Amino acid sequence: MKQLFLSILSVVVLTGCTSSDKAAPLHDASTAQEHAIETYAPSAERRSDVVAKVQQLFDALGTGDVELLRAIVDPTVVMHFTEARDGVTTFGNSTVDGLADRISADDPPLIERMWDPIVATNGSLAMLWAPYDFYTGATFSHCGVDAVNLMKTDDGWRIVGLSWTRLQPPECDLHPEGPPAAG
């Protein structure tokens, strides 16, 4: 997965380069990947802040905390997903209001867990890419990859874009620690 992320980031870097750039030209994907890693790798503190903000989103899902959800997710957030089931791929979207309604219901908690997040930043823009698994209460639902866009404001990082895949194993991995602990 890291290789896929680096390849995507290489395309972004290569696309952003023009003949007027003072940096040496990037002639192959390997060089572009190394350049992207060096250019967009955040400091340890900045990385930790971005990962913590996304973790807060998962905490809000798990606890049904609509107030926390609204505090960290921009009201104009764009949320899209793609789902592959039984050989059919569909696309969908959601709003922060729809998500707030879902987590405030008396349904089982939504447990989403990421691992091995890759974070890239540039100025007030950050992107997190991470595999995840998702449970409704103790029942496994799906797994995939989250791609989260964040913008830094005077109040800290806010989630402004969220996309994810919804897949089933073996098309995606489950959390390396196994199922979540029963709560």
Protein backbone atom coordinates (compact mmCIF):
# COMPACT_ATOMS: atom_id res chain seq x y z
CA MET A 1 0.00 0.00 0.00
CA LYS A 2 2.87 2.36 0.78
CA GLN A 3 4.15 1.84 -2.77
CA LEU A 4 0.73 2.77 -4.19
CA PHE A 5 0.61 5.92 -2.08
CA LEU A 6 4.10 6.90 -3.16
CA SER A 7 3.19 6.32 -6.80
CA ILE A 8 0.13 8.58 -6.45
CA LEU A 9 2.19 11.20 -4.67
CA SER A 10 4.80 11.00 -7.46
CA VAL A 11 2.15 11.84 -10.03
CA VAL A 12 1.09 14.83 -7.95
CA VAL A 13 4.68 15.99 -7.65
CA LEU A 14 5.42 15.47 -11.33
CA THR A 15 2.22 17.24 -12.33
CA GLY A 16 3.14 20.21 -10.16
CA CYS A 17 6.60 20.59 -11.69
CA THR A 18 7.06 23.04 -14.51
CA SER A 19 10.07 24.06 -16.56
CA SER A 20 10.42 27.14 -14.37
CA ASP A 21 10.93 25.06 -11.22
CA LYS A 22 14.44 25.47 -9.82
CA ALA A 23 14.62 21.88 -8.58
CA ALA A 24 16.33 19.27 -10.70
CA PRO A 25 13.98 17.59 -13.16
CA LEU A 26 12.42 14.34 -11.99
CA HIS A 27 13.11 11.71 -14.60
CA ASP A 28 11.72 8.54 -13.09
CA ALA A 29 9.17 7.37 -10.55
CA SER A 30 11.83 6.38 -8.01
CA THR A 31 13.36 9.87 -8.01
CA ALA A 32 9.90 11.44 -7.86
CA GLN A 33 8.98 9.25 -4.89
CA GLU A 34 12.14 10.20 -3.02
CA HIS A 35 11.47 13.87 -3.80
CA ALA A 36 7.86 13.57 -2.61
CA ILE A 37 8.88 11.86 0.62
CA GLU A 38 11.44 14.57 1.40
CA THR A 39 9.23 17.46 0.32
CA TYR A 40 5.95 16.48 1.96
CA ALA A 41 7.01 14.47 5.00
CA PRO A 42 5.75 16.27 8.09
CA SER A 43 7.68 16.71 11.32
CA ALA A 44 6.93 14.08 13.97
CA GLU A 45 4.79 16.60 15.87
CA ARG A 46 2.83 17.66 12.79
CA ARG A 47 2.27 14.02 11.79
CA SER A 48 1.07 13.22 15.30
CA ASP A 49 -1.38 16.17 15.21
CA VAL A 50 -2.87 15.03 11.88
CA VAL A 51 -3.20 11.39 12.98
CA ALA A 52 -4.75 12.50 16.29
CA LYS A 53 -7.35 14.61 14.47
CA VAL A 54 -8.44 11.65 12.32
CA GLN A 55 -8.48 9.45 15.43
CA GLN A 56 -10.86 11.97 17.01
CA LEU A 57 -13.23 11.33 14.11
CA PHE A 58 -13.15 7.60 14.88
CA ASP A 59 -13.63 8.36 18.59
CA ALA A 60 -16.73 10.43 17.75
CA LEU A 61 -18.12 7.52 15.71
CA GLY A 62 -17.50 5.06 18.54
CA THR A 63 -19.02 7.18 21.27
CA GLY A 64 -21.81 8.83 19.29
CA ASP A 65 -20.35 12.23 20.14
CA VAL A 66 -22.01 14.54 17.61
CA GLU A 67 -20.50 17.62 19.27
CA LEU A 68 -16.97 16.27 18.75
CA LEU A 69 -17.82 15.27 15.18
CA ARG A 70 -18.98 18.79 14.34
CA ALA A 71 -15.95 20.34 16.08
CA ILE A 72 -13.41 18.51 13.90
CA VAL A 73 -15.23 18.09 10.57
CA ASP A 74 -15.91 21.13 8.41
CA PRO A 75 -19.67 21.52 7.75
CA THR A 76 -18.97 21.60 4.01
CA VAL A 77 -16.94 18.37 4.11
CA VAL A 78 -17.02 16.24 1.01
CA MET A 79 -17.45 12.53 1.85
CA HIS A 80 -17.40 9.91 -0.90
CA PHE A 81 -17.03 6.16 -0.92
CA THR A 82 -16.74 3.37 -3.39
CA GLU A 83 -17.99 -0.10 -2.56
CA ALA A 84 -17.30 -3.37 -4.29
CA ARG A 85 -19.63 -6.29 -3.50
CA ASP A 86 -20.37 -9.36 -5.54
CA GLY A 87 -18.47 -7.99 -8.52
CA VAL A 88 -20.44 -4.73 -8.61
CA THR A 89 -18.83 -1.39 -7.79
CA THR A 90 -21.00 1.45 -6.58
CA PHE A 91 -20.27 5.00 -5.47
CA GLY A 92 -21.96 7.06 -2.80
CA ASN A 93 -21.64 10.14 -0.68
CA SER A 94 -22.64 11.41 2.71
CA THR A 95 -22.90 14.67 4.58
CA VAL A 96 -21.78 15.57 8.06
CA ASP A 97 -25.47 15.94 9.00
CA GLY A 98 -26.19 12.41 7.77
CA LEU A 99 -23.22 11.05 9.72
CA ALA A 100 -24.29 12.97 12.83
CA ASP A 101 -27.78 11.48 12.60
CA ARG A 102 -26.35 7.99 12.21
CA ILE A 103 -24.01 8.15 15.21
CA SER A 104 -26.59 9.80 17.48
CA ALA A 105 -29.09 6.96 17.02
CA ASP A 106 -29.38 4.26 19.67
CA ASP A 107 -27.69 1.77 17.38
CA PRO A 108 -24.53 -0.14 18.27
CA PRO A 109 -21.38 2.01 18.18
CA LEU A 110 -19.50 2.40 14.92
CA ILE A 111 -15.94 1.20 15.48
CA GLU A 112 -13.41 2.26 12.89
CA ARG A 113 -9.72 1.53 13.35
CA MET A 114 -6.83 2.62 11.16
CA TRP A 115 -3.23 1.50 11.18
CA ASP A 116 0.03 2.45 9.48
CA PRO A 117 -1.19 5.90 8.41
CA ILE A 118 0.82 7.73 5.77
CA VAL A 119 0.76 11.50 6.21
CA ALA A 120 1.84 14.20 3.77
CA THR A 121 1.66 17.92 4.47
CA ASN A 122 2.32 21.21 2.72
CA GLY A 123 1.62 24.46 4.51
CA SER A 124 -1.93 24.32 5.85
CA LEU A 125 -2.86 21.23 3.82
CA ALA A 126 -2.52 17.65 5.05
CA MET A 127 -3.49 14.27 3.70
CA LEU A 128 -3.74 11.00 5.61
CA TRP A 129 -3.99 7.64 3.82
CA ALA A 130 -4.54 4.53 5.95
CA PRO A 131 -6.05 1.07 5.84
CA TYR A 132 -8.99 0.59 8.21
CA ASP A 133 -11.51 -1.94 9.39
CA PHE A 134 -15.07 -1.14 10.44
CA TYR A 135 -17.44 -2.79 12.88
CA THR A 136 -21.01 -2.07 13.93
CA GLY A 137 -20.75 -3.01 17.56
CA ALA A 138 -18.97 -6.37 17.57
CA THR A 139 -20.11 -7.25 14.04
CA PHE A 140 -17.59 -6.85 11.23
CA SER A 141 -18.93 -4.70 8.38
CA HIS A 142 -16.13 -3.91 5.94
CA CYS A 143 -12.56 -2.76 5.51
CA GLY A 144 -10.64 -0.61 3.05
CA VAL A 145 -8.58 2.54 2.83
CA ASP A 146 -9.39 6.01 4.14
CA ALA A 147 -8.10 9.11 2.35
CA VAL A 148 -8.59 12.17 4.54
CA ASN A 149 -7.87 15.79 3.57
CA LEU A 150 -7.35 18.32 6.35
CA MET A 151 -6.80 22.08 6.44
CA LYS A 152 -5.09 23.87 9.31
CA THR A 153 -7.04 26.79 10.75
CA ASP A 154 -6.35 29.08 13.69
CA ASP A 155 -8.13 26.44 15.80
CA GLY A 156 -6.05 23.53 14.49
CA TRP A 157 -6.65 20.85 11.87
CA ARG A 158 -10.16 20.34 10.41
CA ILE A 159 -11.27 17.51 8.20
CA VAL A 160 -12.44 18.96 4.86
CA GLY A 161 -12.54 15.87 2.69
CA LEU A 162 -13.01 12.18 3.36
CA SER A 163 -13.05 9.35 0.85
CA TRP A 164 -12.90 5.64 1.47
CA THR A 165 -13.22 2.25 -0.08
CA ARG A 166 -15.62 -0.37 1.29
CA LEU A 167 -14.34 -3.84 0.55
CA GLN A 168 -14.39 -7.33 1.99
CA PRO A 169 -11.38 -9.52 2.74
CA PRO A 170 -9.30 -10.69 0.96
CA GLU A 171 -9.61 -7.45 -1.07
CA CYS A 172 -8.56 -5.54 2.05
CA ASP A 173 -6.78 -6.32 5.28
CA LEU A 174 -8.18 -6.45 8.78
CA HIS A 175 -6.51 -4.69 11.70
CA PRO A 176 -3.29 -6.46 12.69
CA GLU A 177 -4.47 -6.63 16.32
CA GLY A 178 -7.56 -8.66 15.39
CA PRO A 179 -11.18 -7.73 16.14
CA PRO A 180 -11.82 -4.88 18.58
CA ALA A 181 -12.19 -5.75 22.23
CA ALA A 182 -15.77 -6.33 23.36
CA GLY A 183 -17.01 -3.21 25.15
